Amino acid sequence: MFTRRSRQALNQQSDKKRSGATLIELAFVTPVFLVFVYAIFEFGFAFMVSNIIQEATQEGAKLGRCEEVTTAQVEAKVKQLLDKVFDSNLATIMVKNASAFDTPGADVSQLNYSAMPDIELANADKAQLFLVRVEVPYKDVRLLSSFFVDPVAAAEAAAKEDSLILSGHSVRRHE
C-alpha cells in the first residue's frame, strides 16, 4: 500500500536540514554587507565635510570682498560654518594674497598655498585677488575609526591617512 505523507511534515523536515546552511550563509554575507555599509557612511561623511569646507570658503570669500572687513572677521565666519560639522580648531584656515593667479601663464596646479603671502583684507587694494583656503586632515574628521582591522594593517593605513587632506578654497577680488 501507498503511504501518504502530509506536506507539512515534508516542509518541516526540509527546514530543519536548511537551517544550518542559512546560518553559514549569514556568517559569510554579514561581514561583507557591514563593510559596504561602513564604506557608504565613511565616503558619504567625507564628501559632506568636503562640501562644507568648500561652502565655508565661499562664504568667507564673499564676506572678504566687502570694504572694511578684516581677515580675522573672514576667519571667524569660516570657523563658525565649520563648527557645524567638526571642531574648526582641527582645520587650517588661510587668507592669502592670490596675485599669483593674475600672472599670465601661471600653473596654478603647482602652487604651494601655504607659501603664498598673507593678506590683511582691511588694507587690500581695490580689485586685488585674495584666496580663502581651508585644509583639514582626513584622520581628524573621519566618522568611524578602523577598530576592526588588525593592528599591523591599521598602522599602515594610519601612515597613509596622514597625507590625506580634505581642502577647499575660493578666490575673489576685493571691492
C-alpha atoms as a PDB file:
ATOM      1  CA  MET A   1       0.000   0.000   0.000  1.00  0.00           C
ATOM      2  CA  PHE A   2       0.940   3.576  -0.540  1.00  0.00           C
ATOM      3  CA  THR A   3       1.740   5.625   2.493  1.00  0.00           C
ATOM      4  CA  ARG A   4       0.673   9.179   2.405  1.00  0.00           C
ATOM      5  CA  ARG A   5       2.810  11.832   3.974  1.00  0.00           C
ATOM      6  CA  SER A   6       1.471  15.206   4.759  1.00  0.00           C
ATOM      7  CA  ARG A   7       3.016  18.207   3.055  1.00  0.00           C
ATOM      8  CA  GLN A   8       3.560  19.943   6.338  1.00  0.00           C
ATOM      9  CA  ALA A   9       5.805  17.167   7.583  1.00  0.00           C
ATOM     10  CA  LEU A  10       7.978  17.358   4.438  1.00  0.00           C
ATOM     11  CA  ASN A  11       8.330  21.134   4.755  1.00  0.00           C
ATOM     12  CA  GLN A  12       9.283  20.899   8.403  1.00  0.00           C
ATOM     13  CA  GLN A  13      11.848  18.253   7.621  1.00  0.00           C
ATOM     14  CA  SER A  14      13.305  20.419   4.829  1.00  0.00           C
ATOM     15  CA  ASP A  15      13.513  23.483   7.099  1.00  0.00           C
ATOM     16  CA  LYS A  16      15.490  21.559   9.682  1.00  0.00           C
ATOM     17  CA  LYS A  17      18.039  20.479   7.070  1.00  0.00           C
ATOM     18  CA  ARG A  18      18.270  24.007   5.656  1.00  0.00           C
ATOM     19  CA  SER A  19      18.724  25.881   8.962  1.00  0.00           C
ATOM     20  CA  GLY A  20      22.442  25.066   9.173  1.00  0.00           C
ATOM     21  CA  ALA A  21      23.072  26.294   5.626  1.00  0.00           C
ATOM     22  CA  THR A  22      21.240  29.528   6.336  1.00  0.00           C
ATOM     23  CA  LEU A  23      23.428  30.188   9.347  1.00  0.00           C
ATOM     24  CA  ILE A  24      26.608  29.577   7.320  1.00  0.00           C
ATOM     25  CA  GLU A  25      25.391  31.880   4.533  1.00  0.00           C
ATOM     26  CA  LEU A  26      24.587  34.553   7.089  1.00  0.00           C
ATOM     27  CA  ALA A  27      28.079  34.207   8.575  1.00  0.00           C
ATOM     28  CA  PHE A  28      29.643  34.824   5.151  1.00  0.00           C
ATOM     29  CA  VAL A  29      27.338  37.597   3.925  1.00  0.00           C
ATOM     30  CA  THR A  30      27.024  39.722   7.102  1.00  0.00           C
ATOM     31  CA  PRO A  31      30.676  40.912   7.312  1.00  0.00           C
ATOM     32  CA  VAL A  32      30.712  41.834   3.614  1.00  0.00           C
ATOM     33  CA  PHE A  33      27.437  43.712   3.995  1.00  0.00           C
ATOM     34  CA  LEU A  34      28.722  45.573   7.071  1.00  0.00           C
ATOM     35  CA  VAL A  35      31.916  46.601   5.242  1.00  0.00           C
ATOM     36  CA  PHE A  36      29.784  48.037   2.422  1.00  0.00           C
ATOM     37  CA  VAL A  37      27.619  49.921   4.907  1.00  0.00           C
ATOM     38  CA  TYR A  38      30.750  51.212   6.685  1.00  0.00           C
ATOM     39  CA  ALA A  39      32.200  52.408   3.356  1.00  0.00           C
ATOM     40  CA  ILE A  40      28.959  54.140   2.385  1.00  0.00           C
ATOM     41  CA  PHE A  41      28.839  56.028   5.692  1.00  0.00           C
ATOM     42  CA  GLU A  42      32.540  56.939   5.597  1.00  0.00           C
ATOM     43  CA  PHE A  43      32.602  58.150   1.979  1.00  0.00           C
ATOM     44  CA  GLY A  44      29.324  59.989   2.446  1.00  0.00           C
ATOM     45  CA  PHE A  45      30.613  61.788   5.532  1.00  0.00           C
ATOM     46  CA  ALA A  46      33.934  62.677   3.862  1.00  0.00           C
ATOM     47  CA  PHE A  47      32.031  64.049   0.868  1.00  0.00           C
ATOM     48  CA  MET A  48      29.781  66.079   3.161  1.00  0.00           C
ATOM     49  CA  VAL A  49      32.784  67.514   5.059  1.00  0.00           C
ATOM     50  CA  SER A  50      34.445  68.389   1.759  1.00  0.00           C
ATOM     51  CA  ASN A  51      31.301  70.224   0.600  1.00  0.00           C
ATOM     52  CA  ILE A  52      31.003  72.102   3.901  1.00  0.00           C
ATOM     53  CA  ILE A  53      34.657  73.169   3.613  1.00  0.00           C
ATOM     54  CA  GLN A  54      34.044  74.472   0.093  1.00  0.00           C
ATOM     55  CA  GLU A  55      30.880  76.285   1.184  1.00  0.00           C
ATOM     56  CA  ALA A  56      32.671  77.844   4.166  1.00  0.00           C
ATOM     57  CA  THR A  57      35.496  79.159   1.960  1.00  0.00           C
ATOM     58  CA  GLN A  58      32.996  80.636  -0.488  1.00  0.00           C
ATOM     59  CA  GLU A  59      31.039  82.368   2.277  1.00  0.00           C
ATOM     60  CA  GLY A  60      34.264  83.677   3.822  1.00  0.00           C
ATOM     61  CA  ALA A  61      35.441  84.991   0.456  1.00  0.00           C
ATOM     62  CA  LYS A  62      32.075  86.678  -0.151  1.00  0.00           C
ATOM     63  CA  LEU A  63      32.414  88.446   3.176  1.00  0.00           C
ATOM     64  CA  GLY A  64      36.037  89.385   2.429  1.00  0.00           C
ATOM     65  CA  ARG A  65      35.050  91.157  -0.783  1.00  0.00           C
ATOM     66  CA  CYS A  66      33.428  93.977   1.166  1.00  0.00           C
ATOM     67  CA  GLU A  67      35.262  97.070   2.320  1.00  0.00           C
ATOM     68  CA  GLU A  68      36.262  97.444   5.960  1.00  0.00           C
ATOM     69  CA  VAL A  69      36.183  93.690   6.583  1.00  0.00           C
ATOM     70  CA  THR A  70      39.256  92.268   8.292  1.00  0.00           C
ATOM     71  CA  THR A  71      40.976  88.960   7.785  1.00  0.00           C
ATOM     72  CA  ALA A  72      40.026  87.996  11.345  1.00  0.00           C
ATOM     73  CA  GLN A  73      36.344  88.512  10.535  1.00  0.00           C
ATOM     74  CA  VAL A  74      36.633  86.256   7.477  1.00  0.00           C
ATOM     75  CA  GLU A  75      38.404  83.565   9.525  1.00  0.00           C
ATOM     76  CA  ALA A  76      35.718  83.814  12.224  1.00  0.00           C
ATOM     77  CA  LYS A  77      32.956  83.387   9.618  1.00  0.00           C
ATOM     78  CA  VAL A  78      34.676  80.309   8.179  1.00  0.00           C
ATOM     79  CA  LYS A  79      35.171  78.847  11.671  1.00  0.00           C
ATOM     80  CA  GLN A  80      31.517  79.433  12.504  1.00  0.00           C
ATOM     81  CA  LEU A  81      30.427  77.443   9.441  1.00  0.00           C
ATOM     82  CA  LEU A  82      32.943  74.638  10.030  1.00  0.00           C
ATOM     83  CA  ASP A  83      31.891  74.256  13.674  1.00  0.00           C
ATOM     84  CA  LYS A  84      28.534  72.945  12.476  1.00  0.00           C
ATOM     85  CA  VAL A  85      30.220  69.754  11.249  1.00  0.00           C
ATOM     86  CA  PHE A  86      33.514  69.369  13.113  1.00  0.00           C
ATOM     87  CA  ASP A  87      35.782  71.234  15.511  1.00  0.00           C
ATOM     88  CA  SER A  88      37.163  74.122  13.461  1.00  0.00           C
ATOM     89  CA  ASN A  89      40.354  74.135  15.539  1.00  0.00           C
ATOM     90  CA  LEU A  90      41.350  70.981  13.625  1.00  0.00           C
ATOM     91  CA  ALA A  91      41.379  72.930  10.361  1.00  0.00           C
ATOM     92  CA  THR A  92      43.992  75.283   8.937  1.00  0.00           C
ATOM     93  CA  ILE A  93      42.312  78.448   7.663  1.00  0.00           C
ATOM     94  CA  MET A  94      44.362  80.653   5.350  1.00  0.00           C
ATOM     95  CA  VAL A  95      43.582  84.040   3.841  1.00  0.00           C
ATOM     96  CA  LYS A  96      46.297  84.710   1.275  1.00  0.00           C
ATOM     97  CA  ASN A  97      47.254  87.208  -1.403  1.00  0.00           C
ATOM     98  CA  ALA A  98      46.298  85.449  -4.641  1.00  0.00           C
ATOM     99  CA  SER A  99      48.068  87.729  -7.091  1.00  0.00           C
ATOM    100  CA  ALA A 100      49.812  84.596  -8.432  1.00  0.00           C
ATOM    101  CA  PHE A 101      46.526  83.795 -10.169  1.00  0.00           C
ATOM    102  CA  ASP A 102      46.804  87.087 -12.103  1.00  0.00           C
ATOM    103  CA  THR A 103      50.169  86.116 -13.608  1.00  0.00           C
ATOM    104  CA  PRO A 104      49.695  85.078 -17.252  1.00  0.00           C
ATOM    105  CA  GLY A 105      50.782  81.501 -17.895  1.00  0.00           C
ATOM    106  CA  ALA A 106      50.979  80.610 -14.197  1.00  0.00           C
ATOM    107  CA  ASP A 107      50.448  76.913 -13.476  1.00  0.00           C
ATOM    108  CA  VAL A 108      48.027  77.084 -10.553  1.00  0.00           C
ATOM    109  CA  SER A 109      48.102  73.315 -10.057  1.00  0.00           C
ATOM    110  CA  GLN A 110      51.705  73.660  -8.834  1.00  0.00           C
ATOM    111  CA  LEU A 111      51.043  76.456  -6.319  1.00  0.00           C
ATOM    112  CA  ASN A 112      52.050  75.978  -2.717  1.00  0.00           C
ATOM    113  CA  TYR A 113      49.179  77.716  -0.951  1.00  0.00           C
ATOM    114  CA  SER A 114      50.855  77.897   2.441  1.00  0.00           C
ATOM    115  CA  ALA A 115      53.861  79.698   0.899  1.00  0.00           C
ATOM    116  CA  MET A 116      51.681  82.457  -0.580  1.00  0.00           C
ATOM    117  CA  PRO A 117      51.895  85.775   1.301  1.00  0.00           C
ATOM    118  CA  ASP A 118      49.251  86.560   3.920  1.00  0.00           C
ATOM    119  CA  ILE A 119      46.934  89.494   3.310  1.00  0.00           C
ATOM    120  CA  GLU A 120      45.081  91.850   5.619  1.00  0.00           C
ATOM    121  CA  LEU A 121      41.803  92.460   3.826  1.00  0.00           C
ATOM    122  CA  ALA A 122      41.160  95.788   5.551  1.00  0.00           C
ATOM    123  CA  ASN A 123      44.286  97.143   3.798  1.00  0.00           C
ATOM    124  CA  ALA A 124      43.793  95.360   0.458  1.00  0.00           C
ATOM    125  CA  ASP A 125      43.751  97.343  -2.767  1.00  0.00           C
ATOM    126  CA  LYS A 126      40.632  97.532  -4.883  1.00  0.00           C
ATOM    127  CA  ALA A 127      40.363  94.567  -7.314  1.00  0.00           C
ATOM    128  CA  GLN A 128      43.188  92.708  -5.556  1.00  0.00           C
ATOM    129  CA  LEU A 129      42.802  88.929  -5.667  1.00  0.00           C
ATOM    130  CA  PHE A 130      42.716  87.058  -2.385  1.00  0.00           C
ATOM    131  CA  LEU A 131      42.240  83.425  -1.505  1.00  0.00           C
ATOM    132  CA  VAL A 132      40.414  81.790   1.382  1.00  0.00           C
ATOM    133  CA  ARG A 133      41.592  78.195   1.883  1.00  0.00           C
ATOM    134  CA  VAL A 134      40.749  75.518   4.452  1.00  0.00           C
ATOM    135  CA  GLU A 135      42.690  72.300   4.943  1.00  0.00           C
ATOM    136  CA  VAL A 136      41.874  69.563   7.439  1.00  0.00           C
ATOM    137  CA  PRO A 137      43.497  66.124   7.795  1.00  0.00           C
ATOM    138  CA  TYR A 138      41.021  63.369   6.991  1.00  0.00           C
ATOM    139  CA  LYS A 139      42.091  61.354  10.031  1.00  0.00           C
ATOM    140  CA  ASP A 140      40.883  64.195  12.287  1.00  0.00           C
ATOM    141  CA  VAL A 141      37.363  64.313  10.862  1.00  0.00           C
ATOM    142  CA  ARG A 142      36.626  60.746   9.867  1.00  0.00           C
ATOM    143  CA  LEU A 143      33.369  59.348  11.100  1.00  0.00           C
ATOM    144  CA  LEU A 144      34.448  55.901  12.268  1.00  0.00           C
ATOM    145  CA  SER A 145      37.803  54.532  13.335  1.00  0.00           C
ATOM    146  CA  SER A 146      39.227  51.315  11.931  1.00  0.00           C
ATOM    147  CA  PHE A 147      38.554  49.383  15.116  1.00  0.00           C
ATOM    148  CA  PHE A 148      38.011  46.045  13.375  1.00  0.00           C
ATOM    149  CA  VAL A 149      41.302  45.965  11.443  1.00  0.00           C
ATOM    150  CA  ASP A 150      44.309  44.102  12.773  1.00  0.00           C
ATOM    151  CA  PRO A 151      46.934  46.371  14.443  1.00  0.00           C
ATOM    152  CA  VAL A 152      49.619  45.979  11.741  1.00  0.00           C
ATOM    153  CA  ALA A 153      47.257  46.865   8.900  1.00  0.00           C
ATOM    154  CA  ALA A 154      45.816  49.717  10.995  1.00  0.00           C
ATOM    155  CA  ALA A 155      49.308  51.202  11.488  1.00  0.00           C
ATOM    156  CA  GLU A 156      49.978  51.045   7.728  1.00  0.00           C
ATOM    157  CA  ALA A 157      46.602  52.637   6.977  1.00  0.00           C
ATOM    158  CA  ALA A 158      47.251  55.390   9.551  1.00  0.00           C
ATOM    159  CA  ALA A 159      50.533  56.235   7.818  1.00  0.00           C
ATOM    160  CA  LYS A 160      48.650  56.666   4.523  1.00  0.00           C
ATOM    161  CA  GLU A 161      45.901  58.719   6.208  1.00  0.00           C
ATOM    162  CA  ASP A 162      48.458  61.268   7.428  1.00  0.00           C
ATOM    163  CA  SER A 163      48.883  62.515   3.870  1.00  0.00           C
ATOM    164  CA  LEU A 164      45.165  62.596   3.076  1.00  0.00           C
ATOM    165  CA  ILE A 165      43.909  66.184   3.338  1.00  0.00           C
ATOM    166  CA  LEU A 166      40.392  67.463   2.716  1.00  0.00           C
ATOM    167  CA  SER A 167      40.584  71.010   1.378  1.00  0.00           C
ATOM    168  CA  GLY A 168      38.687  73.740  -0.375  1.00  0.00           C
ATOM    169  CA  HIS A 169      39.397  77.268  -1.499  1.00  0.00           C
ATOM    170  CA  SER A 170      37.766  80.255  -3.081  1.00  0.00           C
ATOM    171  CA  VAL A 171      39.453  83.113  -4.937  1.00  0.00           C
ATOM    172  CA  ARG A 172      37.768  86.533  -5.102  1.00  0.00           C
ATOM    173  CA  ARG A 173      38.603  90.153  -5.861  1.00  0.00           C
ATOM    174  CA  HIS A 174      38.445  92.736  -3.105  1.00  0.00           C
ATOM    175  CA  GLU A 175      35.990  95.559  -3.785  1.00  0.00           C
END
